[in-house]
Amino acid sequence: MFNPPAISANMLWHCSIGGTCLYTINLCAPSDANLRSIPQDEAIYLLEKQWKTNDEQVCMIFHEMVNAHWEDHLKELDIRHVDQGDTVSYSF
């Protein structure tokens, strides 16, 4: 993900793939699909709701969930995300 989105005031994120994707992340009530994209300890942290909106760990978890969703779109297009050290590239 090149420009990670900010967490909105209502704690919701809607996929920006215009009109064709209805995927939503609700940090206050994450779906099973949202939680599958992150490690169990992070899911537990999120579900315990002992955090505030500016919590750095929540921001990290949110970005992981968004990134996992974007990677699903890339897979659908047969685009592969490649990490090579400090370099990220995409192969078709």
Protein backbone atom coordinates (compact mmCIF):
# COMPACT_ATOMS: atom_id res chain seq x y z
CA MET A 1 0.00 0.00 0.00
CA PHE A 2 1.60 3.24 -1.10
CA ASN A 3 -0.54 5.78 0.79
CA PRO A 4 -2.18 4.17 3.80
CA PRO A 5 -5.57 5.69 4.57
CA ALA A 6 -6.22 7.54 7.79
CA ILE A 7 -8.67 6.12 10.28
CA SER A 8 -11.89 8.11 9.94
CA ALA A 9 -13.73 9.59 12.91
CA ASN A 10 -16.47 6.96 12.62
CA MET A 11 -13.82 4.18 12.60
CA LEU A 12 -15.06 2.87 9.22
CA TRP A 13 -13.14 2.28 6.02
CA HIS A 14 -14.81 1.46 2.72
CA CYS A 15 -12.79 0.03 -0.15
CA SER A 16 -12.24 2.77 -2.70
CA ILE A 17 -12.67 0.50 -5.72
CA GLY A 18 -15.60 2.53 -6.96
CA GLY A 19 -18.92 0.75 -6.84
CA THR A 20 -17.58 -2.73 -7.47
CA CYS A 21 -16.29 -3.62 -4.02
CA LEU A 22 -18.41 -3.38 -0.89
CA TYR A 23 -15.67 -4.41 1.56
CA THR A 24 -15.75 -2.44 4.81
CA ILE A 25 -13.56 -2.41 7.89
CA ASN A 26 -15.30 -1.33 11.09
CA LEU A 27 -12.70 -1.07 13.82
CA CYS A 28 -15.39 -0.93 16.51
CA ALA A 29 -17.06 -4.12 15.27
CA PRO A 30 -14.66 -5.92 12.91
CA SER A 31 -16.10 -8.72 10.79
CA ASP A 32 -14.69 -12.24 10.68
CA ALA A 33 -13.27 -11.39 7.25
CA ASN A 34 -11.48 -8.36 8.73
CA LEU A 35 -10.04 -10.42 11.58
CA ARG A 36 -8.84 -13.26 9.32
CA SER A 37 -6.32 -10.89 7.76
CA ILE A 38 -4.42 -10.23 11.00
CA PRO A 39 -2.63 -12.39 13.60
CA GLN A 40 -4.75 -13.68 16.49
CA ASP A 41 -3.01 -11.55 19.14
CA GLU A 42 -3.80 -8.41 17.14
CA ALA A 43 -7.43 -9.51 16.72
CA ILE A 44 -7.72 -10.00 20.47
CA TYR A 45 -6.19 -6.56 21.11
CA LEU A 46 -8.67 -4.96 18.74
CA LEU A 47 -11.67 -6.84 20.15
CA GLU A 48 -10.80 -6.00 23.77
CA LYS A 49 -11.44 -2.32 22.92
CA GLN A 50 -9.01 -1.04 25.54
CA TRP A 51 -7.57 1.41 23.02
CA LYS A 52 -8.14 4.96 21.78
CA THR A 53 -8.44 6.15 18.19
CA ASN A 54 -4.86 7.46 18.14
CA ASP A 55 -3.41 4.16 19.44
CA GLU A 56 -0.35 3.32 17.34
CA GLN A 57 -1.00 -0.43 17.49
CA VAL A 58 -4.59 0.05 16.27
CA CYS A 59 -3.27 2.13 13.36
CA MET A 60 -0.84 -0.65 12.49
CA ILE A 61 -3.57 -3.30 12.68
CA PHE A 62 -5.87 -1.14 10.55
CA HIS A 63 -3.18 -0.72 7.89
CA GLU A 64 -2.54 -4.48 7.89
CA MET A 65 -6.23 -5.14 7.27
CA VAL A 66 -6.42 -2.55 4.47
CA ASN A 67 -3.21 -3.88 2.92
CA ALA A 68 -4.50 -7.48 3.02
CA HIS A 69 -7.66 -6.36 1.24
CA TRP A 70 -5.68 -4.50 -1.44
CA GLU A 71 -3.55 -7.60 -1.95
CA ASP A 72 -6.76 -9.57 -2.58
CA HIS A 73 -7.60 -7.12 -5.39
CA LEU A 74 -4.10 -7.46 -6.81
CA LYS A 75 -4.41 -11.26 -6.80
CA GLU A 76 -7.71 -10.99 -8.68
CA LEU A 77 -5.82 -9.03 -11.35
CA ASP A 78 -2.97 -11.55 -11.32
CA ILE A 79 -0.55 -8.96 -9.94
CA ARG A 80 1.99 -10.19 -7.43
CA HIS A 81 3.39 -8.02 -4.61
CA VAL A 82 7.13 -8.72 -4.23
CA ASP A 83 9.19 -7.60 -1.21
CA GLN A 84 12.95 -7.65 -1.77
CA GLY A 85 14.67 -6.19 1.25
CA ASP A 86 13.89 -2.47 1.27
CA THR A 87 12.33 -2.60 -2.19
CA VAL A 88 8.74 -3.42 -3.11
CA SER A 89 7.70 -4.17 -6.66
CA TYR A 90 4.76 -5.64 -8.51
CA SER A 91 5.01 -8.29 -11.19
CA PHE A 92 2.37 -9.13 -13.76
